[in-house]
Amino acid sequence: MLCTGSIYITVRVDVLPVFTPNEYFWKHHWLEGKEEKWEAYARAVRQIMAQHGGFKLSDLTMEDKFKYKAAIKEAYKKNKTA
Protein backbone atom coordinates (compact mmCIF):
# COMPACT_ATOMS: atom_id res chain seq x y z
CA MET A 1 0.00 0.00 0.00
CA LEU A 2 2.65 2.47 -1.04
CA CYS A 3 0.02 4.77 -2.56
CA THR A 4 -1.68 5.50 0.76
CA GLY A 5 1.21 7.66 1.91
CA SER A 6 1.21 9.79 -1.23
CA ILE A 7 -0.81 12.97 -1.47
CA TYR A 8 -0.46 13.45 -5.22
CA ILE A 9 -0.26 10.70 -7.82
CA THR A 10 -0.38 11.10 -11.59
CA VAL A 11 -1.18 8.21 -13.89
CA ARG A 12 -0.92 8.46 -17.65
CA VAL A 13 -3.05 6.05 -19.64
CA ASP A 14 -2.70 5.89 -23.41
CA VAL A 15 -5.45 4.13 -25.30
CA LEU A 16 -4.36 2.98 -28.73
CA PRO A 17 -6.86 2.30 -31.49
CA VAL A 18 -7.94 -1.27 -32.17
CA PHE A 19 -5.54 -2.89 -34.62
CA THR A 20 -7.48 -4.89 -37.17
CA PRO A 21 -5.37 -6.41 -39.94
CA ASN A 22 -6.64 -5.89 -43.47
CA GLU A 23 -5.60 -7.09 -46.91
CA TYR A 24 -2.89 -4.42 -47.15
CA PHE A 25 -1.38 -5.67 -43.89
CA TRP A 26 -1.35 -9.29 -45.01
CA LYS A 27 0.10 -8.38 -48.41
CA HIS A 28 2.92 -6.17 -47.10
CA HIS A 29 3.73 -7.41 -43.60
CA TRP A 30 2.98 -11.13 -43.49
CA LEU A 31 5.94 -13.37 -44.28
CA GLU A 32 3.81 -15.97 -46.02
CA GLY A 33 5.30 -19.44 -45.81
CA LYS A 34 7.64 -18.39 -42.97
CA GLU A 35 5.06 -17.61 -40.30
CA GLU A 36 1.41 -18.10 -39.56
CA LYS A 37 -1.03 -15.19 -39.68
CA TRP A 38 -1.32 -14.99 -35.90
CA GLU A 39 2.47 -14.65 -35.64
CA ALA A 40 2.48 -11.71 -38.07
CA TYR A 41 -0.33 -10.07 -36.11
CA ALA A 42 1.47 -10.64 -32.77
CA ARG A 43 4.75 -9.29 -34.20
CA ALA A 44 3.03 -6.13 -35.48
CA VAL A 45 1.19 -5.46 -32.21
CA ARG A 46 4.41 -6.07 -30.25
CA GLN A 47 6.28 -3.56 -32.41
CA ILE A 48 3.51 -0.96 -32.03
CA MET A 49 3.45 -1.33 -28.24
CA ALA A 50 7.25 -1.16 -27.97
CA GLN A 51 7.47 1.91 -30.19
CA HIS A 52 4.66 3.73 -28.39
CA GLY A 53 5.96 2.85 -24.94
CA GLY A 54 9.62 3.55 -25.73
CA PHE A 55 10.69 -0.03 -25.01
CA LYS A 56 13.51 -1.99 -26.62
CA LEU A 57 12.57 -5.29 -28.23
CA SER A 58 14.41 -8.45 -27.22
CA ASP A 59 14.54 -11.77 -29.05
CA LEU A 60 15.38 -13.72 -25.90
CA THR A 61 13.21 -16.71 -25.15
CA MET A 62 11.65 -17.29 -21.74
CA GLU A 63 14.22 -20.04 -21.14
CA ASP A 64 17.02 -17.53 -21.81
CA LYS A 65 15.47 -15.11 -19.31
CA PHE A 66 15.17 -17.82 -16.64
CA LYS A 67 18.83 -18.81 -17.17
CA TYR A 68 19.89 -15.16 -16.89
CA LYS A 69 17.86 -14.69 -13.70
CA ALA A 70 19.40 -17.84 -12.18
CA ALA A 71 22.91 -16.64 -13.07
CA ILE A 72 22.27 -13.25 -11.46
CA LYS A 73 20.93 -14.92 -8.28
CA GLU A 74 23.98 -17.18 -8.13
CA ALA A 75 26.38 -14.25 -8.57
CA TYR A 76 24.49 -12.32 -5.84
CA LYS A 77 24.76 -15.26 -3.43
CA LYS A 78 28.53 -15.55 -4.09
CA ASN A 79 29.08 -11.81 -3.50
CA LYS A 80 26.96 -11.88 -0.36
CA THR A 81 28.95 -14.74 1.22
CA ALA A 82 32.37 -13.40 0.15
PDB file of N, CA and C in Angstrom:
ATOM      1  N   MET A   1       0.824  -1.181   0.000  1.00  0.00           N
ATOM      2  CA  MET A   1       0.000   0.000   0.000  1.00  0.00           C
ATOM      3  C   MET A   1       0.867   1.242   0.000  1.00  0.00           C
ATOM      4  N   LEU A   2       1.757   1.338  -0.916  1.00  0.00           N
ATOM      5  CA  LEU A   2       2.647   2.475  -1.042  1.00  0.00           C
ATOM      6  C   LEU A   2       1.881   3.740  -1.392  1.00  0.00           C
ATOM      7  N   CYS A   3       0.794   3.612  -2.108  1.00  0.00           N
ATOM      8  CA  CYS A   3       0.024   4.770  -2.562  1.00  0.00           C
ATOM      9  C   CYS A   3      -0.666   5.513  -1.415  1.00  0.00           C
ATOM     10  N   THR A   4      -0.943   4.855  -0.315  1.00  0.00           N
ATOM     11  CA  THR A   4      -1.684   5.498   0.763  1.00  0.00           C
ATOM     12  C   THR A   4      -0.905   6.621   1.414  1.00  0.00           C
ATOM     13  N   GLY A   5       0.403   6.599   1.326  1.00  0.00           N
ATOM     14  CA  GLY A   5       1.213   7.660   1.912  1.00  0.00           C
ATOM     15  C   GLY A   5       1.426   8.833   0.983  1.00  0.00           C
ATOM     16  N   SER A   6       1.009   8.726  -0.256  1.00  0.00           N
ATOM     17  CA  SER A   6       1.212   9.789  -1.234  1.00  0.00           C
ATOM     18  C   SER A   6       0.000  10.707  -1.279  1.00  0.00           C
ATOM     19  N   ILE A   7       0.271  11.986  -1.366  1.00  0.00           N
ATOM     20  CA  ILE A   7      -0.812  12.966  -1.467  1.00  0.00           C
ATOM     21  C   ILE A   7      -1.203  13.166  -2.928  1.00  0.00           C
ATOM     22  N   TYR A   8      -0.213  13.131  -3.821  1.00  0.00           N
ATOM     23  CA  TYR A   8      -0.457  13.449  -5.221  1.00  0.00           C
ATOM     24  C   TYR A   8       0.127  12.355  -6.108  1.00  0.00           C
ATOM     25  N   ILE A   9      -0.702  11.750  -6.908  1.00  0.00           N
ATOM     26  CA  ILE A   9      -0.261  10.695  -7.821  1.00  0.00           C
ATOM     27  C   ILE A   9      -0.814  11.000  -9.208  1.00  0.00           C
ATOM     28  N   THR A  10       0.041  10.895 -10.212  1.00  0.00           N
ATOM     29  CA  THR A  10      -0.384  11.096 -11.592  1.00  0.00           C
ATOM     30  C   THR A  10      -0.213   9.786 -12.343  1.00  0.00           C
ATOM     31  N   VAL A  11      -1.219   9.410 -13.077  1.00  0.00           N
ATOM     32  CA  VAL A  11      -1.176   8.210 -13.890  1.00  0.00           C
ATOM     33  C   VAL A  11      -1.512   8.606 -15.322  1.00  0.00           C
ATOM     34  N   ARG A  12      -0.676   8.179 -16.239  1.00  0.00           N
ATOM     35  CA  ARG A  12      -0.923   8.463 -17.648  1.00  0.00           C
ATOM     36  C   ARG A  12      -1.362   7.174 -18.329  1.00  0.00           C
ATOM     37  N   VAL A  13      -2.518   7.212 -18.950  1.00  0.00           N
ATOM     38  CA  VAL A  13      -3.049   6.046 -19.644  1.00  0.00           C
ATOM     39  C   VAL A  13      -3.225   6.412 -21.108  1.00  0.00           C
ATOM     40  N   ASP A  14      -2.554   5.695 -21.966  1.00  0.00           N
ATOM     41  CA  ASP A  14      -2.698   5.895 -23.407  1.00  0.00           C
ATOM     42  C   ASP A  14      -3.551   4.767 -23.962  1.00  0.00           C
ATOM     43  N   VAL A  15      -4.580   5.127 -24.679  1.00  0.00           N
ATOM     44  CA  VAL A  15      -5.450   4.133 -25.301  1.00  0.00           C
ATOM     45  C   VAL A  15      -5.176   4.162 -26.795  1.00  0.00           C
ATOM     46  N   LEU A  16      -4.653   3.078 -27.302  1.00  0.00           N
ATOM     47  CA  LEU A  16      -4.356   2.978 -28.729  1.00  0.00           C
ATOM     48  C   LEU A  16      -5.587   2.456 -29.459  1.00  0.00           C
ATOM     49  N   PRO A  17      -5.714   2.806 -30.728  1.00  0.00           N
ATOM     50  CA  PRO A  17      -6.864   2.298 -31.486  1.00  0.00           C
ATOM     51  C   PRO A  17      -6.768   0.781 -31.685  1.00  0.00           C
ATOM     52  N   VAL A  18      -7.892   0.171 -31.913  1.00  0.00           N
ATOM     53  CA  VAL A  18      -7.936  -1.271 -32.170  1.00  0.00           C
ATOM     54  C   VAL A  18      -7.191  -1.556 -33.473  1.00  0.00           C
ATOM     55  N   PHE A  19      -6.304  -2.529 -33.428  1.00  0.00           N
ATOM     56  CA  PHE A  19      -5.545  -2.894 -34.616  1.00  0.00           C
ATOM     57  C   PHE A  19      -6.225  -4.091 -35.276  1.00  0.00           C
ATOM     58  N   THR A  20      -6.816  -3.837 -36.411  1.00  0.00           N
ATOM     59  CA  THR A  20      -7.481  -4.894 -37.166  1.00  0.00           C
ATOM     60  C   THR A  20      -6.745  -5.070 -38.488  1.00  0.00           C
ATOM     61  N   PRO A  21      -6.099  -6.203 -38.687  1.00  0.00           N
ATOM     62  CA  PRO A  21      -5.367  -6.406 -39.940  1.00  0.00           C
ATOM     63  C   PRO A  21      -6.320  -6.458 -41.132  1.00  0.00           C
ATOM     64  N   ASN A  22      -5.860  -5.871 -42.238  1.00  0.00           N
ATOM     65  CA  ASN A  22      -6.642  -5.891 -43.467  1.00  0.00           C
ATOM     66  C   ASN A  22      -5.800  -6.501 -44.590  1.00  0.00           C
ATOM     67  N   GLU A  23      -6.322  -6.481 -45.781  1.00  0.00           N
ATOM     68  CA  GLU A  23      -5.603  -7.092 -46.914  1.00  0.00           C
ATOM     69  C   GLU A  23      -4.251  -6.435 -47.160  1.00  0.00           C
ATOM     70  N   TYR A  24      -4.168  -5.110 -46.976  1.00  0.00           N
ATOM     71  CA  TYR A  24      -2.891  -4.416 -47.146  1.00  0.00           C
ATOM     72  C   TYR A  24      -1.858  -4.957 -46.155  1.00  0.00           C
ATOM     73  N   PHE A  25      -2.288  -5.137 -44.909  1.00  0.00           N
ATOM     74  CA  PHE A  25      -1.381  -5.669 -43.891  1.00  0.00           C
ATOM     75  C   PHE A  25      -0.856  -7.042 -44.280  1.00  0.00           C
ATOM     76  N   TRP A  26      -1.772  -7.930 -44.668  1.00  0.00           N
ATOM     77  CA  TRP A  26      -1.349  -9.290 -45.011  1.00  0.00           C
ATOM     78  C   TRP A  26      -0.425  -9.288 -46.220  1.00  0.00           C
ATOM     79  N   LYS A  27      -0.702  -8.414 -47.183  1.00  0.00           N
ATOM     80  CA  LYS A  27       0.102  -8.383 -48.415  1.00  0.00           C
ATOM     81  C   LYS A  27       1.507  -7.835 -48.169  1.00  0.00           C
ATOM     82  N   HIS A  28       1.646  -6.852 -47.286  1.00  0.00           N
ATOM     83  CA  HIS A  28       2.923  -6.170 -47.104  1.00  0.00           C
ATOM     84  C   HIS A  28       3.695  -6.535 -45.832  1.00  0.00           C
ATOM     85  N   HIS A  29       3.049  -7.157 -44.864  1.00  0.00           N
ATOM     86  CA  HIS A  29       3.728  -7.414 -43.597  1.00  0.00           C
ATOM     87  C   HIS A  29       3.739  -8.878 -43.166  1.00  0.00           C
ATOM     88  N   TRP A  30       3.008  -9.709 -43.836  1.00  0.00           N
ATOM     89  CA  TRP A  30       2.975 -11.127 -43.492  1.00  0.00           C
ATOM     90  C   TRP A  30       4.038 -11.852 -44.285  1.00  0.00           C
ATOM     91  N   LEU A  31       4.897 -12.585 -43.618  1.00  0.00           N
ATOM     92  CA  LEU A  31       5.935 -13.370 -44.275  1.00  0.00           C
ATOM     93  C   LEU A  31       5.340 -14.734 -44.609  1.00  0.00           C
ATOM     94  N   GLU A  32       4.547 -14.762 -45.658  1.00  0.00           N
ATOM     95  CA  GLU A  32       3.813 -15.972 -46.022  1.00  0.00           C
ATOM     96  C   GLU A  32       4.772 -17.129 -46.260  1.00  0.00           C
ATOM     97  N   GLY A  33       4.453 -18.263 -45.698  1.00  0.00           N
ATOM     98  CA  GLY A  33       5.302 -19.444 -45.810  1.00  0.00           C
ATOM     99  C   GLY A  33       6.346 -19.536 -44.709  1.00  0.00           C
ATOM    100  N   LYS A  34       6.649 -18.400 -44.053  1.00  0.00           N
ATOM    101  CA  LYS A  34       7.636 -18.393 -42.973  1.00  0.00           C
ATOM    102  C   LYS A  34       6.981 -18.272 -41.599  1.00  0.00           C
ATOM    103  N   GLU A  35       5.767 -17.757 -41.569  1.00  0.00           N
ATOM    104  CA  GLU A  35       5.064 -17.611 -40.300  1.00  0.00           C
ATOM    105  C   GLU A  35       3.565 -17.715 -40.529  1.00  0.00           C
ATOM    106  N   GLU A  36       2.863 -18.039 -39.467  1.00  0.00           N
ATOM    107  CA  GLU A  36       1.411 -18.097 -39.560  1.00  0.00           C
ATOM    108  C   GLU A  36       0.850 -16.689 -39.399  1.00  0.00           C
ATOM    109  N   LYS A  37      -0.417 -16.520 -39.746  1.00  0.00           N
ATOM    110  CA  LYS A  37      -1.028 -15.195 -39.684  1.00  0.00           C
ATOM    111  C   LYS A  37      -1.026 -14.639 -38.256  1.00  0.00           C
ATOM    112  N   TRP A  38      -1.287 -15.492 -37.271  1.00  0.00           N
ATOM    113  CA  TRP A  38      -1.324 -14.993 -35.900  1.00  0.00           C
ATOM    114  C   TRP A  38       0.046 -14.491 -35.465  1.00  0.00           C
ATOM    115  N   GLU A  39       1.128 -15.084 -35.992  1.00  0.00           N
ATOM    116  CA  GLU A  39       2.474 -14.650 -35.643  1.00  0.00           C
ATOM    117  C   GLU A  39       2.769 -13.267 -36.231  1.00  0.00           C
ATOM    118  N   ALA A  40       2.299 -13.022 -37.456  1.00  0.00           N
ATOM    119  CA  ALA A  40       2.479 -11.714 -38.072  1.00  0.00           C
ATOM    120  C   ALA A  40       1.714 -10.652 -37.281  1.00  0.00           C
ATOM    121  N   TYR A  41       0.496 -10.985 -36.895  1.00  0.00           N
ATOM    122  CA  TYR A  41      -0.327 -10.069 -36.106  1.00  0.00           C
ATOM    123  C   TYR A  41       0.340  -9.774 -34.758  1.00  0.00           C
ATOM    124  N   ALA A  42       0.814 -10.807 -34.066  1.00  0.00           N
ATOM    125  CA  ALA A  42       1.470 -10.636 -32.769  1.00  0.00           C
ATOM    126  C   ALA A  42       2.743  -9.802 -32.909  1.00  0.00           C
ATOM    127  N   ARG A  43       3.524 -10.044 -33.958  1.00  0.00           N
ATOM    128  CA  ARG A  43       4.754  -9.286 -34.197  1.00  0.00           C
ATOM    129  C   ARG A  43       4.437  -7.810 -34.404  1.00  0.00           C
ATOM    130  N   ALA A  44       3.400  -7.518 -35.199  1.00  0.00           N
ATOM    131  CA  ALA A  44       3.026  -6.125 -35.480  1.00  0.00           C
ATOM    132  C   ALA A  44       2.545  -5.418 -34.215  1.00  0.00           C
ATOM    133  N   VAL A  45       1.704  -6.065 -33.443  1.00  0.00           N
ATOM    134  CA  VAL A  45       1.193  -5.455 -32.211  1.00  0.00           C
ATOM    135  C   VAL A  45       2.339  -5.241 -31.215  1.00  0.00           C
ATOM    136  N   ARG A  46       3.253  -6.186 -31.136  1.00  0.00           N
ATOM    137  CA  ARG A  46       4.409  -6.071 -30.246  1.00  0.00           C
ATOM    138  C   ARG A  46       5.267  -4.874 -30.640  1.00  0.00           C
ATOM    139  N   GLN A  47       5.493  -4.694 -31.937  1.00  0.00           N
ATOM    140  CA  GLN A  47       6.282  -3.562 -32.407  1.00  0.00           C
ATOM    141  C   GLN A  47       5.579  -2.232 -32.115  1.00  0.00           C
ATOM    142  N   ILE A  48       4.276  -2.185 -32.304  1.00  0.00           N
ATOM    143  CA  ILE A  48       3.510  -0.964 -32.030  1.00  0.00           C
ATOM    144  C   ILE A  48       3.603  -0.605 -30.547  1.00  0.00           C
ATOM    145  N   MET A  49       3.400  -1.590 -29.677  1.00  0.00           N
ATOM    146  CA  MET A  49       3.451  -1.329 -28.236  1.00  0.00           C
ATOM    147  C   MET A  49       4.848  -0.889 -27.801  1.00  0.00           C
ATOM    148  N   ALA A  50       5.885  -1.515 -28.331  1.00  0.00           N
ATOM    149  CA  ALA A  50       7.254  -1.156 -27.972  1.00  0.00           C
ATOM    150  C   ALA A  50       7.580   0.253 -28.442  1.00  0.00           C
ATOM    151  N   GLN A  51       7.190   0.575 -29.649  1.00  0.00           N
ATOM    152  CA  GLN A  51       7.469   1.905 -30.188  1.00  0.00           C
ATOM    153  C   GLN A  51       6.720   2.974 -29.402  1.00  0.00           C
ATOM    154  N   HIS A  52       5.465   2.742 -29.117  1.00  0.00           N
ATOM    155  CA  HIS A  52       4.661   3.726 -28.390  1.00  0.00           C
ATOM    156  C   HIS A  52       5.134   3.889 -26.948  1.00  0.00           C
ATOM    157  N   GLY A  53       5.528   2.796 -26.327  1.00  0.00           N
ATOM    158  CA  GLY A  53       5.965   2.848 -24.938  1.00  0.00           C
ATOM    159  C   GLY A  53       7.427   3.194 -24.744  1.00  0.00           C
ATOM    160  N   GLY A  54       8.197   3.246 -25.841  1.00  0.00           N
ATOM    161  CA  GLY A  54       9.617   3.554 -25.734  1.00  0.00           C
ATOM    162  C   GLY A  54      10.441   2.389 -25.207  1.00  0.00           C
ATOM    163  N   PHE A  55       9.989   1.168 -25.474  1.00  0.00           N
ATOM    164  CA  PHE A  55      10.686  -0.030 -25.013  1.00  0.00           C
ATOM    165  C   PHE A  55      11.594  -0.585 -26.100  1.00  0.00           C
ATOM    166  N   LYS A  56      12.645  -1.287 -25.682  1.00  0.00           N
ATOM    167  CA  LYS A  56      13.512  -1.989 -26.623  1.00  0.00           C
ATOM    168  C   LYS A  56      12.988  -3.411 -26.776  1.00  0.00           C
ATOM    169  N   LEU A  57      13.001  -3.921 -27.985  1.00  0.00           N
ATOM    170  CA  LEU A  57      12.572  -5.292 -28.233  1.00  0.00           C
ATOM    171  C   LEU A  57      13.734  -6.245 -27.977  1.00  0.00           C
ATOM    172  N   SER A  58      13.420  -7.414 -27.481  1.00  0.00           N
ATOM    173  CA  SER A  58      14.409  -8.447 -27.218  1.00  0.00           C
ATOM    174  C   SER A  58      13.939  -9.742 -27.866  1.00  0.00           C
ATOM    175  N   ASP A  59      14.868 -10.476 -28.438  1.00  0.00           N
ATOM    176  CA  ASP A  59      14.539 -11.765 -29.051  1.00  0.00           C
ATOM    177  C   ASP A  59      14.857 -12.935 -28.127  1.00  0.00           C
ATOM    178  N   LEU A  60      15.105 -12.645 -26.845  1.00  0.00           N
ATOM    179  CA  LEU A  60      15.380 -13.716 -25.900  1.00  0.00           C
ATOM    180  C   LEU A  60      14.126 -14.546 -25.662  1.00  0.00           C
ATOM    181  N   THR A  61      14.330 -15.835 -25.485  1.00  0.00           N
ATOM    182  CA  THR A  61      13.212 -16.714 -25.148  1.00  0.00           C
ATOM    183  C   THR A  61      13.007 -16.681 -23.632  1.00  0.00           C
ATOM    184  N   MET A  62      11.895 -17.222 -23.174  1.00  0.00           N
ATOM    185  CA  MET A  62      11.651 -17.288 -21.737  1.00  0.00           C
ATOM    186  C   MET A  62      12.716 -18.130 -21.052  1.00  0.00           C
ATOM    187  N   GLU A  63      13.175 -19.194 -21.714  1.00  0.00           N
ATOM    188  CA  GLU A  63      14.217 -20.040 -21.135  1.00  0.00           C
ATOM    189  C   GLU A  63      15.506 -19.231 -20.937  1.00  0.00           C
ATOM    190  N   ASP A  64      15.841 -18.384 -21.926  1.00  0.00           N
ATOM    191  CA  ASP A  64      17.022 -17.527 -21.806  1.00  0.00           C
ATOM    192  C   ASP A  64      16.887 -16.595 -20.602  1.00  0.00           C
ATOM    193  N   LYS A  65      15.698 -16.044 -20.416  1.00  0.00           N
ATOM    194  CA  LYS A  65      15.467 -15.114 -19.308  1.00  0.00           C
ATOM    195  C   LYS A  65      15.583 -15.820 -17.967  1.00  0.00           C
ATOM    196  N   PHE A  66      15.061 -17.064 -17.886  1.00  0.00           N
ATOM    197  CA  PHE A  66      15.174 -17.824 -16.641  1.00  0.00           C
ATOM    198  C   PHE A  66      16.637 -18.151 -16.334  1.00  0.00           C
ATOM    199  N   LYS A  67      17.415 -18.517 -17.362  1.00  0.00           N
ATOM    200  CA  LYS A  67      18.833 -18.811 -17.170  1.00  0.00           C
ATOM    201  C   LYS A  67      19.576 -17.565 -16.696  1.00  0.00           C
ATOM    202  N   TYR A  68      19.257 -16.422 -17.277  1.00  0.00           N
ATOM    203  CA  TYR A  68      19.892 -15.157 -16.893  1.00  0.00           C
ATOM    204  C   TYR A  68      19.560 -14.826 -15.436  1.00  0.00           C
ATOM    205  N   LYS A  69      18.290 -14.979 -15.072  1.00  0.00           N
ATOM    206  CA  LYS A  69      17.862 -14.691 -13.705  1.00  0.00           C
ATOM    207  C   LYS A  69      18.571 -15.612 -12.709  1.00  0.00           C
ATOM    208  N   ALA A  70      18.706 -16.885 -13.054  1.00  0.00           N
ATOM    209  CA  ALA A  70      19.397 -17.836 -12.179  1.00  0.00           C
ATOM    210  C   ALA A  70      20.875 -17.465 -12.032  1.00  0.00           C
ATOM    211  N   ALA A  71      21.499 -17.033 -13.121  1.00  0.00           N
ATOM    212  CA  ALA A  71      22.910 -16.640 -13.070  1.00  0.00           C
ATOM    213  C   ALA A  71      23.097 -15.402 -12.194  1.00  0.00           C
ATOM    214  N   ILE A  72      22.190 -14.460 -12.280  1.00  0.00           N
ATOM    215  CA  ILE A  72      22.269 -13.251 -11.459  1.00  0.00           C
ATOM    216  C   ILE A  72      22.099 -13.612  -9.985  1.00  0.00           C
ATOM    217  N   LYS A  73      21.141 -14.488  -9.673  1.00  0.00           N
ATOM    218  CA  LYS A  73      20.931 -14.915  -8.284  1.00  0.00           C
ATOM    219  C   LYS A  73      22.176 -15.606  -7.737  1.00  0.00           C
ATOM    220  N   GLU A  74      22.779 -16.463  -8.546  1.00  0.00           N
ATOM    221  CA  GLU A  74      23.982 -17.179  -8.131  1.00  0.00           C
ATOM    222  C   GLU A  74      25.134 -16.204  -7.864  1.00  0.00           C
ATOM    223  N   ALA A  75      25.316 -15.233  -8.745  1.00  0.00           N
ATOM    224  CA  ALA A  75      26.378 -14.245  -8.570  1.00  0.00           C
ATOM    225  C   ALA A  75      26.106 -13.403  -7.315  1.00  0.00           C
ATOM    226  N   TYR A  76      24.856 -13.084  -7.053  1.00  0.00           N
ATOM    227  CA  TYR A  76      24.492 -12.320  -5.844  1.00  0.00           C
ATOM    228  C   TYR A  76      24.819 -13.117  -4.589  1.00  0.00           C
ATOM    229  N   LYS A  77      24.482 -14.412  -4.605  1.00  0.00           N
ATOM    230  CA  LYS A  77      24.764 -15.256  -3.434  1.00  0.00           C
ATOM    231  C   LYS A  77      26.272 -15.340  -3.178  1.00  0.00           C
ATOM    232  N   LYS A  78      27.080 -15.468  -4.247  1.00  0.00           N
ATOM    233  CA  LYS A  78      28.534 -15.554  -4.093  1.00  0.00           C
ATOM    234  C   LYS A  78      29.104 -14.260  -3.516  1.00  0.00           C
ATOM    235  N   ASN A  79      28.604 -13.111  -4.007  1.00  0.00           N
ATOM    236  CA  ASN A  79      29.082 -11.814  -3.503  1.00  0.00           C
ATOM    237  C   ASN A  79      28.652 -11.579  -2.064  1.00  0.00           C
ATOM    238  N   LYS A  80      27.488 -12.075  -1.702  1.00  0.00           N
ATOM    239  CA  LYS A  80      26.959 -11.883  -0.355  1.00  0.00           C
ATOM    240  C   LYS A  80      27.752 -12.685   0.664  1.00  0.00           C
ATOM    241  N   THR A  81      28.212 -13.885   0.287  1.00  0.00           N
ATOM    242  CA  THR A  81      28.948 -14.741   1.217  1.00  0.00           C
ATOM    243  C   THR A  81      30.447 -14.402   1.245  1.00  0.00           C
ATOM    244  N   ALA A  82      30.932 -13.692   0.230  1.00  0.00           N
ATOM    245  CA  ALA A  82      32.372 -13.395   0.152  1.00  0.00           C
ATOM    246  C   ALA A  82      32.775 -12.249   1.041  1.00  0.00           C
TER     247      ALA A  82
END
